[in-house]
Amino acid sequence: MDLTNIQTAELLIDIFAAAILVTAFLIVSSRSLVFYIRLFALQSFFLGVVALLVVLGYGETHILIAAVLTIAIKAIAIPVVLTRVIERIHVQKEIRFSISITASLLLCGGIVILADSVAQSILRSPHADATAVSRVLSVSIAMMLIGLFIMMTRRKALTQIVGLLTMENGVFLSGLSITYGMPLIVEIGIFFDILVAVLILGVFVFRINKTFESISIDSLRSLRH
């Protein structure tokens, strides 16, 4: 493998991994549901590019299909579905947060520091690979934790779907960083499971809005009382 190509791929992987993390912070800092979806689409596109760079830089050709599916399903198909849901329910913004935007950004900064600490302890293992793909492990861990944070602190069901999808992007990125991707049949199965889950959740959100005239999960919590 050409050393120049590997070094270029490593540099670009670092850049796109940083861009993926920035999109997660932008999701946390925004109130617009449409902006959430566009950021998720951009995040997924960057993730697909990282996968393509692994193919080009390291010759891991089995990841090519996963890279194409990432862009086709996560960056295009799922955002289209979620955008249509927003158009149907006529809800554009997340109004109330469990934690303020400023506090959320500070906590997410702490999450990144924690994720980097965990990743560095893993990478110090004598069996760890020192490539750029391994170095984005901290980003993948941070993405999973930030996605979980979004799900825990946002009230709109649609926002929580975006949090779940952000977590899944982190899982996929961690798969790239640790093992250069999971077996192809597993990756394809996961992608279609995600697409079906989003379709079901989209219908679920629409039904919540039709029943309660809101997509806040507080409406569901009230049913317990």
C-alpha atoms as a PDB file:
ATOM      1  CA  MET A   1       0.000   0.000   0.000  1.00  0.00           C
ATOM      2  CA  ASP A   2       1.359   3.447  -0.990  1.00  0.00           C
ATOM      3  CA  LEU A   3       2.557   5.253   2.164  1.00  0.00           C
ATOM      4  CA  THR A   4       1.491   8.633   0.756  1.00  0.00           C
ATOM      5  CA  ASN A   5      -2.059   7.373   0.194  1.00  0.00           C
ATOM      6  CA  ILE A   6      -2.205   5.990   3.735  1.00  0.00           C
ATOM      7  CA  GLN A   7      -0.981   9.269   5.247  1.00  0.00           C
ATOM      8  CA  THR A   8      -3.485  11.258   3.182  1.00  0.00           C
ATOM      9  CA  ALA A   9      -6.288   8.904   4.196  1.00  0.00           C
ATOM     10  CA  GLU A  10      -5.298   9.208   7.866  1.00  0.00           C
ATOM     11  CA  LEU A  11      -5.332  13.010   7.684  1.00  0.00           C
ATOM     12  CA  LEU A  12      -8.719  13.094   5.972  1.00  0.00           C
ATOM     13  CA  ILE A  13     -10.155  10.551   8.420  1.00  0.00           C
ATOM     14  CA  ASP A  14      -9.070  12.782  11.314  1.00  0.00           C
ATOM     15  CA  ILE A  15     -10.676  15.819   9.666  1.00  0.00           C
ATOM     16  CA  PHE A  16     -13.983  14.103   8.915  1.00  0.00           C
ATOM     17  CA  ALA A  17     -14.093  12.502  12.371  1.00  0.00           C
ATOM     18  CA  ALA A  18     -13.756  15.990  13.887  1.00  0.00           C
ATOM     19  CA  ALA A  19     -16.527  17.223  11.576  1.00  0.00           C
ATOM     20  CA  ILE A  20     -18.783  14.361  12.721  1.00  0.00           C
ATOM     21  CA  LEU A  21     -18.266  15.400  16.344  1.00  0.00           C
ATOM     22  CA  VAL A  22     -19.017  19.043  15.472  1.00  0.00           C
ATOM     23  CA  THR A  23     -22.378  18.043  13.984  1.00  0.00           C
ATOM     24  CA  ALA A  24     -23.282  16.325  17.269  1.00  0.00           C
ATOM     25  CA  PHE A  25     -22.519  19.524  19.194  1.00  0.00           C
ATOM     26  CA  LEU A  26     -24.574  21.551  16.715  1.00  0.00           C
ATOM     27  CA  ILE A  27     -27.533  19.222  17.262  1.00  0.00           C
ATOM     28  CA  VAL A  28     -27.243  19.775  21.017  1.00  0.00           C
ATOM     29  CA  SER A  29     -27.080  23.564  20.537  1.00  0.00           C
ATOM     30  CA  SER A  30     -30.099  23.878  18.222  1.00  0.00           C
ATOM     31  CA  ARG A  31     -33.867  24.064  18.710  1.00  0.00           C
ATOM     32  CA  SER A  32     -34.971  23.455  15.103  1.00  0.00           C
ATOM     33  CA  LEU A  33     -36.172  19.924  14.284  1.00  0.00           C
ATOM     34  CA  VAL A  34     -35.455  20.491  10.589  1.00  0.00           C
ATOM     35  CA  PHE A  35     -31.905  21.547  11.483  1.00  0.00           C
ATOM     36  CA  TYR A  36     -31.522  18.378  13.592  1.00  0.00           C
ATOM     37  CA  ILE A  37     -32.391  16.262  10.588  1.00  0.00           C
ATOM     38  CA  ARG A  38     -30.105  18.161   8.223  1.00  0.00           C
ATOM     39  CA  LEU A  39     -27.247  17.863  10.678  1.00  0.00           C
ATOM     40  CA  PHE A  40     -27.871  14.130  11.037  1.00  0.00           C
ATOM     41  CA  ALA A  41     -27.819  13.819   7.232  1.00  0.00           C
ATOM     42  CA  LEU A  42     -24.513  15.724   7.091  1.00  0.00           C
ATOM     43  CA  GLN A  43     -23.119  13.642   9.962  1.00  0.00           C
ATOM     44  CA  SER A  44     -24.065  10.424   8.177  1.00  0.00           C
ATOM     45  CA  PHE A  45     -22.530  11.672   4.918  1.00  0.00           C
ATOM     46  CA  PHE A  46     -19.249  12.392   6.732  1.00  0.00           C
ATOM     47  CA  LEU A  47     -19.438   8.913   8.280  1.00  0.00           C
ATOM     48  CA  GLY A  48     -19.880   7.393   4.832  1.00  0.00           C
ATOM     49  CA  VAL A  49     -16.858   9.360   3.618  1.00  0.00           C
ATOM     50  CA  VAL A  50     -14.763   8.013   6.523  1.00  0.00           C
ATOM     51  CA  ALA A  51     -15.767   4.489   5.530  1.00  0.00           C
ATOM     52  CA  LEU A  52     -14.795   5.216   1.906  1.00  0.00           C
ATOM     53  CA  LEU A  53     -11.421   6.562   3.075  1.00  0.00           C
ATOM     54  CA  VAL A  54     -10.825   3.298   4.941  1.00  0.00           C
ATOM     55  CA  VAL A  55     -11.511   1.474   1.671  1.00  0.00           C
ATOM     56  CA  LEU A  56      -9.172   3.724  -0.342  1.00  0.00           C
ATOM     57  CA  GLY A  57      -6.418   4.091   2.240  1.00  0.00           C
ATOM     58  CA  TYR A  58      -6.261   0.610   3.737  1.00  0.00           C
ATOM     59  CA  GLY A  59      -7.732  -1.563   0.991  1.00  0.00           C
ATOM     60  CA  GLU A  60     -10.614  -2.803   3.165  1.00  0.00           C
ATOM     61  CA  THR A  61     -12.919  -3.309   0.174  1.00  0.00           C
ATOM     62  CA  HIS A  62     -15.599  -5.170   2.156  1.00  0.00           C
ATOM     63  CA  ILE A  63     -16.544  -1.840   3.771  1.00  0.00           C
ATOM     64  CA  LEU A  64     -17.463  -0.299   0.403  1.00  0.00           C
ATOM     65  CA  ILE A  65     -21.059  -1.569   0.465  1.00  0.00           C
ATOM     66  CA  ALA A  66     -21.478  -0.342   4.061  1.00  0.00           C
ATOM     67  CA  ALA A  67     -20.136   3.083   3.034  1.00  0.00           C
ATOM     68  CA  VAL A  68     -22.584   3.332   0.136  1.00  0.00           C
ATOM     69  CA  LEU A  69     -25.489   2.178   2.337  1.00  0.00           C
ATOM     70  CA  THR A  70     -24.540   4.733   4.994  1.00  0.00           C
ATOM     71  CA  ILE A  71     -24.822   7.555   2.494  1.00  0.00           C
ATOM     72  CA  ALA A  72     -27.917   6.183   0.734  1.00  0.00           C
ATOM     73  CA  ILE A  73     -29.930   5.209   3.830  1.00  0.00           C
ATOM     74  CA  LYS A  74     -28.711   7.475   6.621  1.00  0.00           C
ATOM     75  CA  ALA A  75     -27.755  10.587   4.673  1.00  0.00           C
ATOM     76  CA  ILE A  76     -30.649  10.495   2.187  1.00  0.00           C
ATOM     77  CA  ALA A  77     -33.515   8.060   2.890  1.00  0.00           C
ATOM     78  CA  ILE A  78     -33.944   8.529   6.656  1.00  0.00           C
ATOM     79  CA  PRO A  79     -33.726  12.369   6.540  1.00  0.00           C
ATOM     80  CA  VAL A  80     -36.372  12.371   3.783  1.00  0.00           C
ATOM     81  CA  VAL A  81     -38.679  10.228   5.940  1.00  0.00           C
ATOM     82  CA  LEU A  82     -38.178  12.394   9.024  1.00  0.00           C
ATOM     83  CA  THR A  83     -38.641  15.618   7.046  1.00  0.00           C
ATOM     84  CA  ARG A  84     -41.979  14.365   5.752  1.00  0.00           C
ATOM     85  CA  VAL A  85     -43.017  13.526   9.315  1.00  0.00           C
ATOM     86  CA  ILE A  86     -42.253  17.114  10.348  1.00  0.00           C
ATOM     87  CA  GLU A  87     -44.265  18.428   7.416  1.00  0.00           C
ATOM     88  CA  ARG A  88     -47.229  16.286   8.463  1.00  0.00           C
ATOM     89  CA  ILE A  89     -47.213  17.180  12.160  1.00  0.00           C
ATOM     90  CA  HIS A  90     -46.375  20.896  11.676  1.00  0.00           C
ATOM     91  CA  VAL A  91     -43.935  20.998  14.609  1.00  0.00           C
ATOM     92  CA  GLN A  92     -40.756  22.901  13.852  1.00  0.00           C
ATOM     93  CA  LYS A  93     -38.946  23.512  17.150  1.00  0.00           C
ATOM     94  CA  GLU A  94     -37.959  21.950  20.437  1.00  0.00           C
ATOM     95  CA  ILE A  95     -39.270  24.502  22.925  1.00  0.00           C
ATOM     96  CA  ARG A  96     -38.491  23.067  26.356  1.00  0.00           C
ATOM     97  CA  PHE A  97     -35.297  21.303  27.384  1.00  0.00           C
ATOM     98  CA  SER A  98     -34.654  19.315  30.552  1.00  0.00           C
ATOM     99  CA  ILE A  99     -31.203  20.981  30.597  1.00  0.00           C
ATOM    100  CA  SER A 100     -30.393  24.373  29.071  1.00  0.00           C
ATOM    101  CA  ILE A 101     -28.390  24.587  25.856  1.00  0.00           C
ATOM    102  CA  THR A 102     -25.404  26.171  27.622  1.00  0.00           C
ATOM    103  CA  ALA A 103     -25.322  23.482  30.308  1.00  0.00           C
ATOM    104  CA  SER A 104     -25.816  20.799  27.645  1.00  0.00           C
ATOM    105  CA  LEU A 105     -22.803  22.006  25.663  1.00  0.00           C
ATOM    106  CA  LEU A 106     -20.651  22.083  28.805  1.00  0.00           C
ATOM    107  CA  LEU A 107     -21.740  18.557  29.712  1.00  0.00           C
ATOM    108  CA  CYS A 108     -21.048  17.340  26.168  1.00  0.00           C
ATOM    109  CA  GLY A 109     -17.572  18.886  26.444  1.00  0.00           C
ATOM    110  CA  GLY A 110     -17.082  16.798  29.574  1.00  0.00           C
ATOM    111  CA  ILE A 111     -18.370  13.748  27.699  1.00  0.00           C
ATOM    112  CA  VAL A 112     -15.711  14.270  25.005  1.00  0.00           C
ATOM    113  CA  ILE A 113     -12.973  14.462  27.655  1.00  0.00           C
ATOM    114  CA  LEU A 114     -14.305  11.294  29.304  1.00  0.00           C
ATOM    115  CA  ALA A 115     -14.536   9.511  25.941  1.00  0.00           C
ATOM    116  CA  ASP A 116     -10.961  10.481  25.065  1.00  0.00           C
ATOM    117  CA  SER A 117      -9.748   9.174  28.429  1.00  0.00           C
ATOM    118  CA  VAL A 118     -11.506   5.840  27.869  1.00  0.00           C
ATOM    119  CA  ALA A 119     -10.227   5.588  24.281  1.00  0.00           C
ATOM    120  CA  GLN A 120      -6.639   6.358  25.288  1.00  0.00           C
ATOM    121  CA  SER A 121      -6.706   3.618  27.901  1.00  0.00           C
ATOM    122  CA  ILE A 122      -7.846   1.203  25.186  1.00  0.00           C
ATOM    123  CA  LEU A 123      -5.250   2.406  22.671  1.00  0.00           C
ATOM    124  CA  ARG A 124      -2.432   2.002  25.218  1.00  0.00           C
ATOM    125  CA  SER A 125      -3.045  -1.726  25.040  1.00  0.00           C
ATOM    126  CA  PRO A 126      -0.102  -3.552  23.406  1.00  0.00           C
ATOM    127  CA  HIS A 127      -2.535  -5.087  20.898  1.00  0.00           C
ATOM    128  CA  ALA A 128      -4.034  -1.735  19.816  1.00  0.00           C
ATOM    129  CA  ASP A 129      -3.483  -0.378  16.300  1.00  0.00           C
ATOM    130  CA  ALA A 130      -2.035   3.145  16.061  1.00  0.00           C
ATOM    131  CA  THR A 131      -3.666   4.042  12.742  1.00  0.00           C
ATOM    132  CA  ALA A 132      -5.943   7.052  12.262  1.00  0.00           C
ATOM    133  CA  VAL A 133      -8.928   4.731  12.261  1.00  0.00           C
ATOM    134  CA  SER A 134      -8.048   3.705  15.812  1.00  0.00           C
ATOM    135  CA  ARG A 135      -7.476   7.320  16.818  1.00  0.00           C
ATOM    136  CA  VAL A 136     -11.119   8.183  16.033  1.00  0.00           C
ATOM    137  CA  LEU A 137     -12.195   5.726  18.723  1.00  0.00           C
ATOM    138  CA  SER A 138     -12.583   8.639  21.148  1.00  0.00           C
ATOM    139  CA  VAL A 139     -14.938  10.356  18.697  1.00  0.00           C
ATOM    140  CA  SER A 140     -17.037   7.213  18.327  1.00  0.00           C
ATOM    141  CA  ILE A 141     -17.379   6.806  22.100  1.00  0.00           C
ATOM    142  CA  ALA A 142     -18.269  10.490  22.452  1.00  0.00           C
ATOM    143  CA  MET A 143     -20.911  10.135  19.713  1.00  0.00           C
ATOM    144  CA  MET A 144     -22.569   7.224  21.504  1.00  0.00           C
ATOM    145  CA  LEU A 145     -22.655   9.114  24.798  1.00  0.00           C
ATOM    146  CA  ILE A 146     -23.868  12.375  23.220  1.00  0.00           C
ATOM    147  CA  GLY A 147     -26.627  10.487  21.388  1.00  0.00           C
ATOM    148  CA  LEU A 148     -27.705   8.984  24.716  1.00  0.00           C
ATOM    149  CA  PHE A 149     -27.550  12.454  26.287  1.00  0.00           C
ATOM    150  CA  ILE A 150     -29.844  13.848  23.564  1.00  0.00           C
ATOM    151  CA  MET A 151     -32.355  11.085  24.191  1.00  0.00           C
ATOM    152  CA  MET A 152     -32.333  11.756  27.931  1.00  0.00           C
ATOM    153  CA  THR A 153     -32.619  15.556  27.825  1.00  0.00           C
ATOM    154  CA  ARG A 154     -34.916  16.312  24.886  1.00  0.00           C
ATOM    155  CA  ARG A 155     -38.707  16.137  25.181  1.00  0.00           C
ATOM    156  CA  LYS A 156     -39.785  15.799  21.544  1.00  0.00           C
ATOM    157  CA  ALA A 157     -40.086  12.219  20.327  1.00  0.00           C
ATOM    158  CA  LEU A 158     -38.599  13.190  16.967  1.00  0.00           C
ATOM    159  CA  THR A 159     -35.515  14.645  18.644  1.00  0.00           C
ATOM    160  CA  GLN A 160     -35.069  11.425  20.569  1.00  0.00           C
ATOM    161  CA  ILE A 161     -35.101   9.515  17.278  1.00  0.00           C
ATOM    162  CA  VAL A 162     -32.224  11.731  16.107  1.00  0.00           C
ATOM    163  CA  GLY A 163     -30.422  10.974  19.389  1.00  0.00           C
ATOM    164  CA  LEU A 164     -30.875   7.251  18.790  1.00  0.00           C
ATOM    165  CA  LEU A 165     -29.544   7.565  15.240  1.00  0.00           C
ATOM    166  CA  THR A 166     -26.569   9.583  16.496  1.00  0.00           C
ATOM    167  CA  MET A 167     -25.792   6.765  18.924  1.00  0.00           C
ATOM    168  CA  GLU A 168     -25.939   4.270  16.057  1.00  0.00           C
ATOM    169  CA  ASN A 169     -23.532   6.395  14.017  1.00  0.00           C
ATOM    170  CA  GLY A 170     -21.173   6.252  16.974  1.00  0.00           C
ATOM    171  CA  VAL A 171     -21.512   2.467  17.077  1.00  0.00           C
ATOM    172  CA  PHE A 172     -20.714   2.208  13.358  1.00  0.00           C
ATOM    173  CA  LEU A 173     -17.710   4.517  13.744  1.00  0.00           C
ATOM    174  CA  SER A 174     -16.441   2.433  16.651  1.00  0.00           C
ATOM    175  CA  GLY A 175     -16.744  -0.661  14.447  1.00  0.00           C
ATOM    176  CA  LEU A 176     -14.547   1.057  11.868  1.00  0.00           C
ATOM    177  CA  SER A 177     -12.044   2.185  14.485  1.00  0.00           C
ATOM    178  CA  ILE A 178     -11.634  -1.175  16.214  1.00  0.00           C
ATOM    179  CA  THR A 179     -12.053  -3.855  13.542  1.00  0.00           C
ATOM    180  CA  TYR A 180     -12.309  -1.978  10.212  1.00  0.00           C
ATOM    181  CA  GLY A 181     -16.018  -2.763  10.178  1.00  0.00           C
ATOM    182  CA  MET A 182     -18.261  -5.665  11.146  1.00  0.00           C
ATOM    183  CA  PRO A 183     -19.000  -8.617   8.820  1.00  0.00           C
ATOM    184  CA  LEU A 184     -20.867  -7.398   5.728  1.00  0.00           C
ATOM    185  CA  ILE A 185     -24.057  -9.394   6.327  1.00  0.00           C
ATOM    186  CA  VAL A 186     -24.288  -7.931   9.844  1.00  0.00           C
ATOM    187  CA  GLU A 187     -23.798  -4.383   8.549  1.00  0.00           C
ATOM    188  CA  ILE A 188     -26.481  -4.760   5.867  1.00  0.00           C
ATOM    189  CA  GLY A 189     -28.905  -6.249   8.393  1.00  0.00           C
ATOM    190  CA  ILE A 190     -28.301  -3.347  10.781  1.00  0.00           C
ATOM    191  CA  PHE A 191     -28.880  -0.732   8.069  1.00  0.00           C
ATOM    192  CA  PHE A 192     -32.229  -2.176   7.049  1.00  0.00           C
ATOM    193  CA  ASP A 193     -33.242  -2.658  10.685  1.00  0.00           C
ATOM    194  CA  ILE A 194     -32.542   1.043  11.244  1.00  0.00           C
ATOM    195  CA  LEU A 195     -34.547   2.064   8.184  1.00  0.00           C
ATOM    196  CA  VAL A 196     -37.541  -0.027   9.250  1.00  0.00           C
ATOM    197  CA  ALA A 197     -37.253   1.264  12.832  1.00  0.00           C
ATOM    198  CA  VAL A 198     -37.271   4.881  11.633  1.00  0.00           C
ATOM    199  CA  LEU A 199     -40.336   4.227   9.469  1.00  0.00           C
ATOM    200  CA  ILE A 200     -42.147   2.715  12.454  1.00  0.00           C
ATOM    201  CA  LEU A 201     -41.040   5.501  14.787  1.00  0.00           C
ATOM    202  CA  GLY A 202     -42.137   8.084  12.213  1.00  0.00           C
ATOM    203  CA  VAL A 203     -45.637   6.607  12.189  1.00  0.00           C
ATOM    204  CA  PHE A 204     -45.515   6.465  15.994  1.00  0.00           C
ATOM    205  CA  VAL A 205     -44.640  10.178  16.222  1.00  0.00           C
ATOM    206  CA  PHE A 206     -47.437  11.045  13.800  1.00  0.00           C
ATOM    207  CA  ARG A 207     -49.947   9.083  15.895  1.00  0.00           C
ATOM    208  CA  ILE A 208     -48.741  10.749  19.105  1.00  0.00           C
ATOM    209  CA  ASN A 209     -49.237  14.152  17.513  1.00  0.00           C
ATOM    210  CA  LYS A 210     -52.689  13.230  16.204  1.00  0.00           C
ATOM    211  CA  THR A 211     -53.814  11.896  19.598  1.00  0.00           C
ATOM    212  CA  PHE A 212     -52.255  14.475  21.940  1.00  0.00           C
ATOM    213  CA  GLU A 213     -51.736  17.406  19.508  1.00  0.00           C
ATOM    214  CA  SER A 214     -48.113  17.333  20.607  1.00  0.00           C
ATOM    215  CA  ILE A 215     -45.031  15.150  20.111  1.00  0.00           C
ATOM    216  CA  SER A 216     -43.710  15.768  23.614  1.00  0.00           C
ATOM    217  CA  ILE A 217     -43.032  12.565  25.547  1.00  0.00           C
ATOM    218  CA  ASP A 218     -44.567  14.270  28.592  1.00  0.00           C
ATOM    219  CA  SER A 219     -47.929  13.400  27.039  1.00  0.00           C
ATOM    220  CA  LEU A 220     -47.020   9.711  27.271  1.00  0.00           C
ATOM    221  CA  ARG A 221     -45.715   9.994  30.812  1.00  0.00           C
ATOM    222  CA  SER A 222     -49.055  11.477  31.891  1.00  0.00           C
ATOM    223  CA  LEU A 223     -50.766   8.185  30.945  1.00  0.00           C
ATOM    224  CA  ARG A 224     -49.070   6.482  33.897  1.00  0.00           C
ATOM    225  CA  HIS A 225     -50.973   8.629  36.374  1.00  0.00           C
END
